[in-house]
Amino acid sequence: MAKKMTDTTTFQVLEKDAYHAFIEWPLFLMRKLKQLEQHIAAAEENLKGTGQRREQK
């Protein structure tokens, strides 16, 4: 059986984890945005390279 969450320390740990997740969320989003921008730039460069090859044929 699952243990009931009645202990106050359990709630304190949960509250602390939730606080850290809330604080770190903007940093996580900024990091993901930077990764996405790099991916999009690489994909655009790849498309430009593909377009130039087709024109040369």
PDB file of N, CA and C in Angstrom:
ATOM      1  N   MET A   1       0.823  -1.191   0.000  1.00  0.00           N
ATOM      2  CA  MET A   1       0.000   0.000   0.000  1.00  0.00           C
ATOM      3  C   MET A   1       0.865   1.252   0.000  1.00  0.00           C
ATOM      4  N   ALA A   2       0.372   2.292  -0.607  1.00  0.00           N
ATOM      5  CA  ALA A   2       1.102   3.556  -0.640  1.00  0.00           C
ATOM      6  C   ALA A   2       1.024   4.239   0.717  1.00  0.00           C
ATOM      7  N   LYS A   3       2.124   4.850   1.105  1.00  0.00           N
ATOM      8  CA  LYS A   3       2.175   5.567   2.372  1.00  0.00           C
ATOM      9  C   LYS A   3       1.467   6.905   2.233  1.00  0.00           C
ATOM     10  N   LYS A   4       0.624   7.226   3.193  1.00  0.00           N
ATOM     11  CA  LYS A   4      -0.104   8.491   3.151  1.00  0.00           C
ATOM     12  C   LYS A   4       0.851   9.645   3.443  1.00  0.00           C
ATOM     13  N   MET A   5       0.617  10.785   2.790  1.00  0.00           N
ATOM     14  CA  MET A   5       1.456  11.960   2.983  1.00  0.00           C
ATOM     15  C   MET A   5       0.895  12.820   4.114  1.00  0.00           C
ATOM     16  N   THR A   6       1.008  12.348   5.335  1.00  0.00           N
ATOM     17  CA  THR A   6       0.498  13.120   6.469  1.00  0.00           C
ATOM     18  C   THR A   6       1.623  13.746   7.266  1.00  0.00           C
ATOM     19  N   ASP A   7       2.831  13.330   7.034  1.00  0.00           N
ATOM     20  CA  ASP A   7       3.968  13.856   7.771  1.00  0.00           C
ATOM     21  C   ASP A   7       4.284  15.271   7.279  1.00  0.00           C
ATOM     22  N   THR A   8       4.500  16.198   8.188  1.00  0.00           N
ATOM     23  CA  THR A   8       4.769  17.588   7.795  1.00  0.00           C
ATOM     24  C   THR A   8       6.096  17.721   7.067  1.00  0.00           C
ATOM     25  N   THR A   9       7.074  16.897   7.406  1.00  0.00           N
ATOM     26  CA  THR A   9       8.356  16.986   6.710  1.00  0.00           C
ATOM     27  C   THR A   9       8.208  16.601   5.248  1.00  0.00           C
ATOM     28  N   THR A  10       7.313  15.673   4.954  1.00  0.00           N
ATOM     29  CA  THR A  10       7.077  15.281   3.569  1.00  0.00           C
ATOM     30  C   THR A  10       6.524  16.469   2.785  1.00  0.00           C
ATOM     31  N   PHE A  11       5.601  17.183   3.388  1.00  0.00           N
ATOM     32  CA  PHE A  11       5.050  18.365   2.728  1.00  0.00           C
ATOM     33  C   PHE A  11       6.097  19.458   2.580  1.00  0.00           C
ATOM     34  N   GLN A  12       6.961  19.603   3.546  1.00  0.00           N
ATOM     35  CA  GLN A  12       8.017  20.606   3.466  1.00  0.00           C
ATOM     36  C   GLN A  12       8.979  20.280   2.329  1.00  0.00           C
ATOM     37  N   VAL A  13       9.320  19.016   2.174  1.00  0.00           N
ATOM     38  CA  VAL A  13      10.199  18.599   1.083  1.00  0.00           C
ATOM     39  C   VAL A  13       9.509  18.855  -0.254  1.00  0.00           C
ATOM     40  N   LEU A  14       8.239  18.519  -0.334  1.00  0.00           N
ATOM     41  CA  LEU A  14       7.480  18.750  -1.564  1.00  0.00           C
ATOM     42  C   LEU A  14       7.412  20.235  -1.895  1.00  0.00           C
ATOM     43  N   GLU A  15       7.163  21.057  -0.880  1.00  0.00           N
ATOM     44  CA  GLU A  15       7.098  22.498  -1.077  1.00  0.00           C
ATOM     45  C   GLU A  15       8.453  23.056  -1.527  1.00  0.00           C
ATOM     46  N   LYS A  16       9.524  22.562  -0.957  1.00  0.00           N
ATOM     47  CA  LYS A  16      10.870  23.009  -1.330  1.00  0.00           C
ATOM     48  C   LYS A  16      11.179  22.633  -2.783  1.00  0.00           C
ATOM     49  N   ASP A  17      10.842  21.404  -3.171  1.00  0.00           N
ATOM     50  CA  ASP A  17      11.068  20.965  -4.552  1.00  0.00           C
ATOM     51  C   ASP A  17      10.250  21.795  -5.540  1.00  0.00           C
ATOM     52  N   ALA A  18       9.009  22.083  -5.171  1.00  0.00           N
ATOM     53  CA  ALA A  18       8.157  22.888  -6.045  1.00  0.00           C
ATOM     54  C   ALA A  18       8.722  24.302  -6.195  1.00  0.00           C
ATOM     55  N   TYR A  19       9.239  24.857  -5.127  1.00  0.00           N
ATOM     56  CA  TYR A  19       9.825  26.200  -5.174  1.00  0.00           C
ATOM     57  C   TYR A  19      11.024  26.222  -6.110  1.00  0.00           C
ATOM     58  N   HIS A  20      11.901  25.231  -5.996  1.00  0.00           N
ATOM     59  CA  HIS A  20      13.094  25.191  -6.855  1.00  0.00           C
ATOM     60  C   HIS A  20      12.703  24.988  -8.315  1.00  0.00           C
ATOM     61  N   ALA A  21      11.700  24.174  -8.565  1.00  0.00           N
ATOM     62  CA  ALA A  21      11.239  23.980  -9.939  1.00  0.00           C
ATOM     63  C   ALA A  21      10.695  25.286 -10.509  1.00  0.00           C
ATOM     64  N   PHE A  22       9.968  26.035  -9.689  1.00  0.00           N
ATOM     65  CA  PHE A  22       9.406  27.315 -10.126  1.00  0.00           C
ATOM     66  C   PHE A  22      10.514  28.315 -10.432  1.00  0.00           C
ATOM     67  N   ILE A  23      11.541  28.351  -9.596  1.00  0.00           N
ATOM     68  CA  ILE A  23      12.644  29.286  -9.784  1.00  0.00           C
ATOM     69  C   ILE A  23      13.477  28.914 -11.018  1.00  0.00           C
ATOM     70  N   GLU A  24      13.681  27.632 -11.247  1.00  0.00           N
ATOM     71  CA  GLU A  24      14.540  27.178 -12.343  1.00  0.00           C
ATOM     72  C   GLU A  24      13.828  27.145 -13.686  1.00  0.00           C
ATOM     73  N   TRP A  25      12.521  27.259 -13.724  1.00  0.00           N
ATOM     74  CA  TRP A  25      11.773  27.148 -14.970  1.00  0.00           C
ATOM     75  C   TRP A  25      12.199  28.176 -16.022  1.00  0.00           C
ATOM     76  N   PRO A  26      12.353  29.456 -15.703  1.00  0.00           N
ATOM     77  CA  PRO A  26      12.790  30.417 -16.735  1.00  0.00           C
ATOM     78  C   PRO A  26      14.182  30.082 -17.290  1.00  0.00           C
ATOM     79  N   LEU A  27      15.072  29.598 -16.452  1.00  0.00           N
ATOM     80  CA  LEU A  27      16.405  29.215 -16.933  1.00  0.00           C
ATOM     81  C   LEU A  27      16.314  28.037 -17.891  1.00  0.00           C
ATOM     82  N   PHE A  28      15.460  27.078 -17.560  1.00  0.00           N
ATOM     83  CA  PHE A  28      15.255  25.926 -18.428  1.00  0.00           C
ATOM     84  C   PHE A  28      14.706  26.372 -19.785  1.00  0.00           C
ATOM     85  N   LEU A  29      13.739  27.284 -19.759  1.00  0.00           N
ATOM     86  CA  LEU A  29      13.153  27.759 -21.007  1.00  0.00           C
ATOM     87  C   LEU A  29      14.166  28.527 -21.855  1.00  0.00           C
ATOM     88  N   MET A  30      14.997  29.334 -21.217  1.00  0.00           N
ATOM     89  CA  MET A  30      16.018  30.076 -21.962  1.00  0.00           C
ATOM     90  C   MET A  30      17.010  29.116 -22.621  1.00  0.00           C
ATOM     91  N   ARG A  31      17.388  28.077 -21.897  1.00  0.00           N
ATOM     92  CA  ARG A  31      18.331  27.095 -22.453  1.00  0.00           C
ATOM     93  C   ARG A  31      17.713  26.365 -23.638  1.00  0.00           C
ATOM     94  N   LYS A  32      16.454  25.968 -23.508  1.00  0.00           N
ATOM     95  CA  LYS A  32      15.772  25.280 -24.603  1.00  0.00           C
ATOM     96  C   LYS A  32      15.593  26.195 -25.811  1.00  0.00           C
ATOM     97  N   LEU A  33      15.317  27.481 -25.567  1.00  0.00           N
ATOM     98  CA  LEU A  33      15.177  28.430 -26.658  1.00  0.00           C
ATOM     99  C   LEU A  33      16.485  28.583 -27.420  1.00  0.00           C
ATOM    100  N   LYS A  34      17.590  28.642 -26.692  1.00  0.00           N
ATOM    101  CA  LYS A  34      18.897  28.752 -27.330  1.00  0.00           C
ATOM    102  C   LYS A  34      19.182  27.513 -28.187  1.00  0.00           C
ATOM    103  N   GLN A  35      18.845  26.323 -27.667  1.00  0.00           N
ATOM    104  CA  GLN A  35      19.036  25.092 -28.431  1.00  0.00           C
ATOM    105  C   GLN A  35      18.166  25.086 -29.679  1.00  0.00           C
ATOM    106  N   LEU A  36      16.928  25.565 -29.546  1.00  0.00           N
ATOM    107  CA  LEU A  36      16.018  25.606 -30.683  1.00  0.00           C
ATOM    108  C   LEU A  36      16.521  26.577 -31.744  1.00  0.00           C
ATOM    109  N   GLU A  37      17.016  27.723 -31.328  1.00  0.00           N
ATOM    110  CA  GLU A  37      17.559  28.691 -32.278  1.00  0.00           C
ATOM    111  C   GLU A  37      18.750  28.115 -33.032  1.00  0.00           C
ATOM    112  N   GLN A  38      19.614  27.375 -32.340  1.00  0.00           N
ATOM    113  CA  GLN A  38      20.750  26.741 -33.005  1.00  0.00           C
ATOM    114  C   GLN A  38      20.276  25.699 -34.006  1.00  0.00           C
ATOM    115  N   HIS A  39      19.260  24.948 -33.632  1.00  0.00           N
ATOM    116  CA  HIS A  39      18.720  23.912 -34.520  1.00  0.00           C
ATOM    117  C   HIS A  39      18.099  24.545 -35.765  1.00  0.00           C
ATOM    118  N   ILE A  40      17.357  25.623 -35.573  1.00  0.00           N
ATOM    119  CA  ILE A  40      16.724  26.297 -36.704  1.00  0.00           C
ATOM    120  C   ILE A  40      17.786  26.899 -37.625  1.00  0.00           C
ATOM    121  N   ALA A  41      18.820  27.494 -37.054  1.00  0.00           N
ATOM    122  CA  ALA A  41      19.885  28.074 -37.872  1.00  0.00           C
ATOM    123  C   ALA A  41      20.579  26.989 -38.699  1.00  0.00           C
ATOM    124  N   ALA A  42      20.838  25.835 -38.082  1.00  0.00           N
ATOM    125  CA  ALA A  42      21.478  24.740 -38.810  1.00  0.00           C
ATOM    126  C   ALA A  42      20.559  24.212 -39.908  1.00  0.00           C
ATOM    127  N   ALA A  43      19.268  24.126 -39.632  1.00  0.00           N
ATOM    128  CA  ALA A  43      18.321  23.642 -40.636  1.00  0.00           C
ATOM    129  C   ALA A  43      18.217  24.622 -41.794  1.00  0.00           C
ATOM    130  N   GLU A  44      18.200  25.920 -41.502  1.00  0.00           N
ATOM    131  CA  GLU A  44      18.151  26.928 -42.573  1.00  0.00           C
ATOM    132  C   GLU A  44      19.408  26.873 -43.423  1.00  0.00           C
ATOM    133  N   GLU A  45      20.546  26.693 -42.776  1.00  0.00           N
ATOM    134  CA  GLU A  45      21.804  26.586 -43.517  1.00  0.00           C
ATOM    135  C   GLU A  45      21.789  25.354 -44.414  1.00  0.00           C
ATOM    136  N   ASN A  46      21.241  24.282 -43.904  1.00  0.00           N
ATOM    137  CA  ASN A  46      21.144  23.049 -44.686  1.00  0.00           C
ATOM    138  C   ASN A  46      20.220  23.243 -45.883  1.00  0.00           C
ATOM    139  N   LEU A  47      19.109  23.948 -45.667  1.00  0.00           N
ATOM    140  CA  LEU A  47      18.185  24.208 -46.780  1.00  0.00           C
ATOM    141  C   LEU A  47      18.817  25.110 -47.817  1.00  0.00           C
ATOM    142  N   LYS A  48      19.574  26.095 -47.388  1.00  0.00           N
ATOM    143  CA  LYS A  48      20.262  26.975 -48.333  1.00  0.00           C
ATOM    144  C   LYS A  48      21.265  26.182 -49.159  1.00  0.00           C
ATOM    145  N   GLY A  49      21.985  25.286 -48.513  1.00  0.00           N
ATOM    146  CA  GLY A  49      22.952  24.449 -49.217  1.00  0.00           C
ATOM    147  C   GLY A  49      22.274  23.533 -50.215  1.00  0.00           C
ATOM    148  N   THR A  50      21.124  23.004 -49.855  1.00  0.00           N
ATOM    149  CA  THR A  50      20.374  22.130 -50.752  1.00  0.00           C
ATOM    150  C   THR A  50      19.850  22.913 -51.944  1.00  0.00           C
ATOM    151  N   GLY A  51      19.389  24.132 -51.709  1.00  0.00           N
ATOM    152  CA  GLY A  51      18.887  24.979 -52.796  1.00  0.00           C
ATOM    153  C   GLY A  51      19.979  25.332 -53.778  1.00  0.00           C
ATOM    154  N   GLN A  52      21.165  25.591 -53.312  1.00  0.00           N
ATOM    155  CA  GLN A  52      22.270  25.937 -54.200  1.00  0.00           C
ATOM    156  C   GLN A  52      22.679  24.721 -55.025  1.00  0.00           C
ATOM    157  N   ARG A  53      22.631  23.561 -54.439  1.00  0.00           N
ATOM    158  CA  ARG A  53      23.001  22.364 -55.210  1.00  0.00           C
ATOM    159  C   ARG A  53      22.001  22.100 -56.324  1.00  0.00           C
ATOM    160  N   ARG A  54      20.730  22.329 -56.057  1.00  0.00           N
ATOM    161  CA  ARG A  54      19.709  22.093 -57.086  1.00  0.00           C
ATOM    162  C   ARG A  54      19.874  23.077 -58.240  1.00  0.00           C
ATOM    163  N   GLU A  55      20.243  24.319 -57.924  1.00  0.00           N
ATOM    164  CA  GLU A  55      20.424  25.311 -58.984  1.00  0.00           C
ATOM    165  C   GLU A  55      21.609  24.976 -59.855  1.00  0.00           C
ATOM    166  N   GLN A  56      22.636  24.346 -59.302  1.00  0.00           N
ATOM    167  CA  GLN A  56      23.825  24.033 -60.072  1.00  0.00           C
ATOM    168  C   GLN A  56      23.600  22.885 -61.031  1.00  0.00           C
ATOM    169  N   LYS A  57      22.645  22.013 -60.756  1.00  0.00           N
ATOM    170  CA  LYS A  57      22.398  20.855 -61.644  1.00  0.00           C
ATOM    171  C   LYS A  57      21.766  21.279 -62.904  1.00  0.00           C
TER     172      LYS A  57
END
